[in-house]
Amino acid sequence: MLAPSLQRFTQKSAHTYNFRCPLCGDSQTNKSKARGYIFPKGDTLLYKCHNCSVALPFSALLRSQDRRLYDEYILERLKEDGRPREEAPQAPIKPLDAPMASFLAPDSPVYPLTALKAGYPSLHVVLAYARDVRKLPETAFSRLFATNKAHSWLQPLVGDDKAAKVADNIPYLVQPLRLPDGEWYGAQLRPVERKDFLTFRWSSEPLKVFGLDNWCPDKLTYVVEGPIDSLFVPNCLSTCGSDLLSGIRLLEDADIMRPAHRRVYVWDNEPRNSQIVSHLRVAVRLGESVVIWPRRYPKDINDMVRTGIDVNTVLPKRTFQGLFAELELAAWLKP
């Protein structure tokens, strides 16, 4: 049984269990807090920590804590129904509910960067931002778009309240969120004159991943935080945030990515960011492959490129797993 090894383990109901998270260590200031939960969802058991926000199948938690118990658990599942229950095929993503004509029509107010050289002078500032400020390779321009009619474009897709967050007559870089077949289910908009960005989704699906339309599942996959960073790395996905593990878990739930697909998690180089440190600790304890940057490097891939660092040479050299990852993480966290 796993229970004796879990601190403050209690059974909350017939199928719900609570204990201190063994992945992040839970609260370091209050040892009585227990924010890890195992609970059923459909035919599966899930684990969720409300401290580090990790969300995993129970089998993944078990594998990280006790490999012998994990092997026994999988054998029992095989005896019960002929396959590991948590490896059951997931339903494919449902068709998107929102109309696609808003950006596919010939008179769409959203234009690929590759079209801006031939016209649309009011959007040349977006092209200059991508090329001169962000130093993006021109091979990425076909995957990016521009608009200065963001409100008009988004209002029929996401409604008045959400569309009110953006305005017409402001140039935006548009980073589309696409399914593997190329269909849009959302977009991240970045005003070129400010540092903030906004992410919109008009599908009922919870995905928020950039790069699926350009992704090859048979090759090694790098997973990063920001869409712009992903454009400098081959076969790279962005989860549009620092919770890389949960973003990939959603892809597995949607049967887009499978646990067998090789992936390397790449967080920003911010050892003082408690959220990133927490996610990185969890990934290392789960035995995932992670990149741990030299502390002297800039904070993200885009900044590294702009300072002349060849990130694609560095990535394989700074990829660690298991004990080596633990040692590198400890060194990275030292001031």
Protein backbone atom coordinates (compact mmCIF):
# COMPACT_ATOMS: atom_id res chain seq x y z
CA MET A 1 0.00 0.00 0.00
CA LEU A 2 1.16 3.52 -0.80
CA ALA A 3 -0.72 5.19 2.08
CA PRO A 4 1.90 4.65 4.83
CA SER A 5 4.48 6.57 2.81
CA LEU A 6 2.20 9.61 2.33
CA GLN A 7 2.21 12.28 5.03
CA ARG A 8 -1.15 13.18 6.66
CA PHE A 9 -2.97 10.59 4.57
CA THR A 10 -6.74 10.55 5.18
CA GLN A 11 -9.76 9.14 3.35
CA LYS A 12 -12.25 11.94 2.74
CA SER A 13 -15.00 9.84 1.15
CA ALA A 14 -15.52 6.42 -0.42
CA HIS A 15 -13.12 7.14 -3.31
CA THR A 16 -11.39 10.42 -2.39
CA TYR A 17 -8.08 10.59 -0.51
CA ASN A 18 -6.10 13.54 0.83
CA PHE A 19 -2.43 13.88 1.83
CA ARG A 20 0.58 16.17 1.59
CA CYS A 21 1.84 16.34 -1.98
CA PRO A 22 4.95 14.15 -2.33
CA LEU A 23 5.93 15.93 -5.55
CA CYS A 24 6.21 19.54 -4.37
CA GLY A 25 6.45 18.84 -0.64
CA ASP A 26 3.29 20.88 -0.02
CA SER A 27 3.49 23.89 2.33
CA GLN A 28 6.96 24.46 3.74
CA THR A 29 5.66 26.77 6.49
CA ASN A 30 2.62 24.83 7.67
CA LYS A 31 3.24 21.10 8.02
CA SER A 32 -0.44 20.44 8.78
CA LYS A 33 -1.54 21.48 5.30
CA ALA A 34 -2.38 18.62 2.93
CA ARG A 35 -3.39 19.70 -0.56
CA GLY A 36 -2.92 16.55 -2.63
CA TYR A 37 -6.06 14.63 -3.64
CA ILE A 38 -6.78 11.33 -5.38
CA PHE A 39 -10.30 11.16 -6.77
CA PRO A 40 -12.26 9.37 -9.51
CA LYS A 41 -13.19 10.93 -12.83
CA GLY A 42 -15.20 8.62 -15.02
CA ASP A 43 -13.38 5.29 -15.16
CA THR A 44 -10.02 6.72 -14.10
CA LEU A 45 -8.33 7.83 -10.91
CA LEU A 46 -6.68 11.24 -10.99
CA TYR A 47 -4.22 13.02 -8.72
CA LYS A 48 -4.40 16.80 -8.21
CA CYS A 49 -2.33 19.05 -5.94
CA HIS A 50 -3.79 22.44 -5.04
CA ASN A 51 -0.36 23.74 -4.06
CA CYS A 52 1.74 23.05 -7.17
CA SER A 53 -1.29 22.61 -9.50
CA VAL A 54 -0.01 19.34 -10.95
CA ALA A 55 -2.74 17.12 -12.42
CA LEU A 56 -1.86 13.52 -13.31
CA PRO A 57 -3.33 10.05 -13.60
CA PHE A 58 -3.01 8.17 -10.33
CA SER A 59 -0.77 5.66 -12.11
CA ALA A 60 1.78 8.41 -12.88
CA LEU A 61 1.90 9.42 -9.22
CA LEU A 62 2.26 5.80 -8.15
CA ARG A 63 5.06 5.20 -10.66
CA SER A 64 6.98 8.20 -9.29
CA GLN A 65 6.68 6.97 -5.68
CA ASP A 66 6.96 3.18 -5.82
CA ARG A 67 7.79 1.32 -9.01
CA ARG A 68 7.02 -2.10 -7.51
CA LEU A 69 3.52 -1.03 -6.46
CA TYR A 70 3.03 0.58 -9.86
CA ASP A 71 3.85 -2.68 -11.66
CA GLU A 72 1.41 -4.56 -9.41
CA TYR A 73 -1.27 -1.94 -10.02
CA ILE A 74 -0.93 -2.23 -13.81
CA LEU A 75 -1.10 -6.03 -13.62
CA GLU A 76 -4.32 -5.81 -11.60
CA ARG A 77 -5.84 -3.48 -14.17
CA LEU A 78 -4.89 -5.90 -16.91
CA LYS A 79 -6.54 -8.77 -15.05
CA GLU A 80 -9.73 -6.76 -14.53
CA ASP A 81 -10.42 -5.52 -18.04
CA GLY A 82 -7.62 -6.66 -20.33
CA ARG A 83 -5.79 -3.32 -20.51
CA PRO A 84 -4.53 -0.64 -18.14
CA ARG A 85 -7.62 1.43 -17.46
CA GLU A 86 -5.82 4.73 -17.62
CA GLU A 87 -4.40 3.91 -21.03
CA ALA A 88 -7.87 3.57 -22.53
CA PRO A 89 -8.29 5.50 -25.78
CA GLN A 90 -9.72 8.96 -25.29
CA ALA A 91 -12.53 10.39 -27.36
CA PRO A 92 -11.28 12.56 -30.22
CA ILE A 93 -11.65 16.31 -29.97
CA LYS A 94 -15.17 17.42 -30.80
CA PRO A 95 -15.80 19.68 -33.78
CA LEU A 96 -15.44 23.33 -32.92
CA ASP A 97 -18.70 25.09 -32.16
CA ALA A 98 -17.83 28.58 -33.37
CA PRO A 99 -17.98 29.65 -37.04
CA MET A 100 -14.62 29.77 -38.78
CA ALA A 101 -15.58 32.29 -41.50
CA SER A 102 -14.42 35.26 -39.40
CA PHE A 103 -10.80 34.67 -40.35
CA LEU A 104 -11.00 32.34 -43.33
CA ALA A 105 -13.09 34.61 -45.56
CA PRO A 106 -11.33 36.57 -48.34
CA ASP A 107 -12.21 39.85 -46.57
CA SER A 108 -10.86 38.66 -43.23
CA PRO A 109 -9.17 41.39 -41.11
CA VAL A 110 -6.40 38.94 -40.14
CA TYR A 111 -3.44 38.64 -42.50
CA PRO A 112 -0.42 36.29 -42.58
CA LEU A 113 2.88 38.06 -42.10
CA THR A 114 4.00 36.71 -45.47
CA ALA A 115 1.35 38.91 -47.12
CA LEU A 116 2.38 42.16 -45.45
CA LYS A 117 5.32 42.88 -47.74
CA ALA A 118 2.97 43.22 -50.69
CA GLY A 119 0.52 45.60 -49.00
CA TYR A 120 -1.32 46.55 -45.81
CA PRO A 121 1.01 49.44 -44.86
CA SER A 122 -0.86 50.03 -41.60
CA LEU A 123 0.37 46.58 -40.43
CA HIS A 124 4.01 46.91 -41.46
CA VAL A 125 4.77 47.73 -37.82
CA VAL A 126 3.81 44.13 -36.94
CA LEU A 127 6.20 42.76 -39.54
CA ALA A 128 8.98 45.01 -38.22
CA TYR A 129 8.21 43.87 -34.66
CA ALA A 130 8.51 40.19 -35.62
CA ARG A 131 11.61 40.62 -37.77
CA ASP A 132 13.60 43.39 -36.07
CA VAL A 133 12.51 43.34 -32.43
CA ARG A 134 11.81 39.66 -31.83
CA LYS A 135 14.39 38.48 -34.42
CA LEU A 136 12.05 35.73 -35.60
CA PRO A 137 13.23 33.61 -38.53
CA GLU A 138 11.35 34.31 -41.74
CA THR A 139 10.45 30.62 -41.89
CA ALA A 140 8.07 31.36 -38.99
CA PHE A 141 6.21 34.17 -40.76
CA SER A 142 3.78 31.81 -42.49
CA ARG A 143 2.60 30.66 -39.03
CA LEU A 144 1.93 34.18 -37.71
CA PHE A 145 -0.71 36.78 -38.51
CA ALA A 146 -1.44 40.45 -38.00
CA THR A 147 -4.57 42.52 -37.45
CA ASN A 148 -5.62 46.01 -36.51
CA LYS A 149 -9.29 44.99 -36.29
CA ALA A 150 -9.00 42.70 -33.28
CA HIS A 151 -12.30 43.70 -31.67
CA SER A 152 -14.31 43.39 -34.88
CA TRP A 153 -12.73 40.02 -35.62
CA LEU A 154 -13.13 38.48 -32.17
CA GLN A 155 -16.55 39.82 -31.19
CA PRO A 156 -18.58 37.20 -33.13
CA LEU A 157 -16.24 34.45 -31.94
CA VAL A 158 -15.91 35.12 -28.21
CA GLY A 159 -18.69 37.60 -27.43
CA ASP A 160 -18.80 41.24 -26.38
CA ASP A 161 -17.30 40.88 -22.90
CA LYS A 162 -14.13 39.06 -23.97
CA ALA A 163 -13.71 41.04 -27.18
CA ALA A 164 -13.82 44.26 -25.13
CA LYS A 165 -10.31 43.43 -23.92
CA VAL A 166 -8.92 44.36 -27.35
CA ALA A 167 -9.57 47.27 -29.68
CA ASP A 168 -9.65 48.12 -33.34
CA ASN A 169 -7.01 50.47 -34.76
CA ILE A 170 -4.24 48.87 -32.65
CA PRO A 171 -1.72 46.58 -34.42
CA TYR A 172 -1.51 43.08 -32.95
CA LEU A 173 0.68 40.08 -33.67
CA VAL A 174 -1.69 37.09 -33.87
CA GLN A 175 -0.40 33.66 -32.86
CA PRO A 176 -3.04 31.11 -33.86
CA LEU A 177 -3.95 28.14 -31.68
CA ARG A 178 -4.57 25.33 -34.14
CA LEU A 179 -5.43 21.67 -34.04
CA PRO A 180 -3.13 19.23 -35.87
CA ASP A 181 -5.34 19.52 -38.96
CA GLY A 182 -4.75 23.29 -39.04
CA GLU A 183 -8.18 24.35 -37.79
CA TRP A 184 -8.14 27.34 -35.43
CA TYR A 185 -9.66 27.01 -31.95
CA GLY A 186 -8.20 30.21 -30.49
CA ALA A 187 -5.39 32.74 -30.73
CA GLN A 188 -2.96 34.68 -28.60
CA LEU A 189 -2.80 38.39 -29.43
CA ARG A 190 0.21 40.53 -28.60
CA PRO A 191 0.00 44.33 -29.09
CA VAL A 192 3.31 45.30 -30.65
CA GLU A 193 3.55 48.53 -28.67
CA ARG A 194 3.13 46.86 -25.26
CA LYS A 195 4.59 43.83 -23.45
CA ASP A 196 1.32 42.15 -22.47
CA PHE A 197 -0.67 39.54 -24.39
CA LEU A 198 -4.15 38.04 -24.32
CA THR A 199 -5.26 34.51 -25.15
CA PHE A 200 -8.71 33.77 -26.59
CA ARG A 201 -10.43 30.45 -27.25
CA TRP A 202 -13.74 29.95 -29.04
CA SER A 203 -13.89 26.17 -28.76
CA SER A 204 -15.38 24.19 -25.88
CA GLU A 205 -12.07 22.30 -25.62
CA PRO A 206 -9.69 23.27 -22.77
CA LEU A 207 -6.57 23.14 -24.98
CA LYS A 208 -4.23 26.12 -25.06
CA VAL A 209 -1.27 24.86 -27.08
CA PHE A 210 0.53 26.62 -29.92
CA GLY A 211 2.29 24.64 -32.66
CA LEU A 212 0.17 21.52 -33.11
CA ASP A 213 -0.29 22.24 -36.81
CA ASN A 214 3.49 22.08 -37.30
CA TRP A 215 4.20 19.22 -34.89
CA CYS A 216 5.62 15.78 -35.78
CA PRO A 217 4.70 13.29 -33.00
CA ASP A 218 7.32 10.76 -34.15
CA LYS A 219 10.19 13.14 -33.40
CA LEU A 220 11.52 14.44 -30.10
CA THR A 221 9.20 17.20 -28.89
CA TYR A 222 10.32 20.24 -26.95
CA VAL A 223 7.69 21.90 -24.76
CA VAL A 224 8.16 25.56 -23.83
CA GLU A 225 6.12 28.32 -22.18
CA GLY A 226 5.66 30.99 -24.86
CA PRO A 227 4.62 30.72 -28.52
CA ILE A 228 7.38 33.06 -29.66
CA ASP A 229 10.04 30.95 -27.94
CA SER A 230 8.72 27.85 -29.69
CA LEU A 231 9.41 29.36 -33.11
CA PHE A 232 13.19 29.10 -32.58
CA VAL A 233 13.20 25.37 -31.73
CA PRO A 234 12.37 22.50 -34.11
CA ASN A 235 9.30 20.38 -33.35
CA CYS A 236 8.35 22.58 -30.44
CA LEU A 237 5.01 23.13 -28.67
CA SER A 238 4.06 26.02 -26.41
CA THR A 239 1.53 25.67 -23.58
CA CYS A 240 1.02 29.47 -23.42
CA GLY A 241 1.99 29.48 -19.74
CA SER A 242 4.33 27.93 -17.19
CA ASP A 243 2.22 24.85 -16.37
CA LEU A 244 3.79 22.70 -19.09
CA LEU A 245 2.83 19.37 -17.48
CA SER A 246 -0.88 20.17 -17.34
CA GLY A 247 -0.83 21.50 -20.89
CA ILE A 248 0.61 18.24 -22.18
CA ARG A 249 -1.77 16.24 -19.99
CA LEU A 250 -4.67 17.92 -21.81
CA LEU A 251 -3.17 16.79 -25.13
CA GLU A 252 -3.04 13.24 -23.81
CA ASP A 253 -6.65 13.49 -22.62
CA ALA A 254 -7.63 14.61 -26.12
CA ASP A 255 -5.72 11.66 -27.64
CA ILE A 256 -3.47 14.04 -29.57
CA MET A 257 -0.29 13.16 -27.70
CA ARG A 258 0.43 9.81 -26.06
CA PRO A 259 2.62 9.06 -23.02
CA ALA A 260 5.02 7.17 -25.31
CA HIS A 261 5.80 10.32 -27.31
CA ARG A 262 9.27 11.57 -26.36
CA ARG A 263 9.27 15.08 -24.93
CA VAL A 264 11.62 17.49 -23.14
CA TYR A 265 10.21 20.23 -20.91
CA VAL A 266 11.86 23.64 -21.18
CA TRP A 267 10.95 26.28 -18.61
CA ASP A 268 12.16 29.86 -18.64
CA ASN A 269 15.47 30.57 -16.94
CA GLU A 270 13.98 32.09 -13.78
CA PRO A 271 15.31 30.39 -10.63
CA ARG A 272 13.61 33.05 -8.46
CA ASN A 273 10.17 32.41 -9.92
CA SER A 274 8.47 30.18 -7.34
CA GLN A 275 5.85 28.93 -9.80
CA ILE A 276 8.44 27.81 -12.35
CA VAL A 277 10.58 26.24 -9.62
CA SER A 278 7.56 24.31 -8.32
CA HIS A 279 6.67 22.97 -11.78
CA LEU A 280 10.29 22.05 -12.47
CA ARG A 281 10.62 20.18 -9.16
CA VAL A 282 7.51 18.14 -9.96
CA ALA A 283 8.78 17.25 -13.44
CA VAL A 284 12.13 16.12 -12.06
CA ARG A 285 10.47 13.97 -9.39
CA LEU A 286 8.29 12.39 -12.07
CA GLY A 287 11.40 11.40 -14.01
CA GLU A 288 10.71 13.70 -16.96
CA SER A 289 13.46 15.06 -19.19
CA VAL A 290 13.98 18.76 -18.49
CA VAL A 291 16.27 21.55 -19.65
CA ILE A 292 18.05 23.49 -16.90
CA TRP A 293 19.73 26.58 -18.30
CA PRO A 294 23.00 28.10 -17.08
CA ARG A 295 22.02 30.79 -14.58
CA ARG A 296 23.99 33.45 -16.50
CA TYR A 297 21.75 33.08 -19.55
CA PRO A 298 18.85 35.49 -20.22
CA LYS A 299 15.41 34.53 -18.96
CA ASP A 300 13.86 32.99 -22.09
CA ILE A 301 14.73 31.53 -25.48
CA ASN A 302 13.86 34.69 -27.41
CA ASP A 303 16.18 36.80 -25.24
CA MET A 304 18.91 34.17 -25.61
CA VAL A 305 18.63 34.30 -29.40
CA ARG A 306 18.74 38.09 -29.37
CA THR A 307 22.02 37.97 -27.43
CA GLY A 308 23.58 35.57 -29.94
CA ILE A 309 23.17 32.23 -28.12
CA ASP A 310 22.62 29.20 -30.36
CA VAL A 311 19.82 27.62 -28.31
CA ASN A 312 19.53 24.52 -30.49
CA THR A 313 23.13 23.64 -29.70
CA VAL A 314 22.60 24.27 -25.99
CA LEU A 315 19.32 22.37 -25.57
CA PRO A 316 20.64 18.78 -25.91
CA LYS A 317 23.65 19.62 -23.74
CA ARG A 318 21.45 20.98 -20.96
CA THR A 319 18.81 18.22 -20.98
CA PHE A 320 18.75 16.16 -17.78
CA GLN A 321 16.73 13.38 -16.21
CA GLY A 322 16.65 11.51 -12.90
CA LEU A 323 19.54 12.02 -10.48
CA PHE A 324 21.42 14.29 -12.90
CA ALA A 325 18.36 16.54 -13.12
CA GLU A 326 18.13 16.69 -9.32
CA LEU A 327 21.78 17.72 -9.03
CA GLU A 328 21.51 20.35 -11.79
CA LEU A 329 18.30 21.72 -10.30
CA ALA A 330 19.95 22.08 -6.89
CA ALA A 331 22.88 23.94 -8.47
CA TRP A 332 20.54 26.16 -10.51
CA LEU A 333 18.65 27.20 -7.38
CA LYS A 334 21.76 28.28 -5.49
CA PRO A 335 22.04 32.10 -5.42
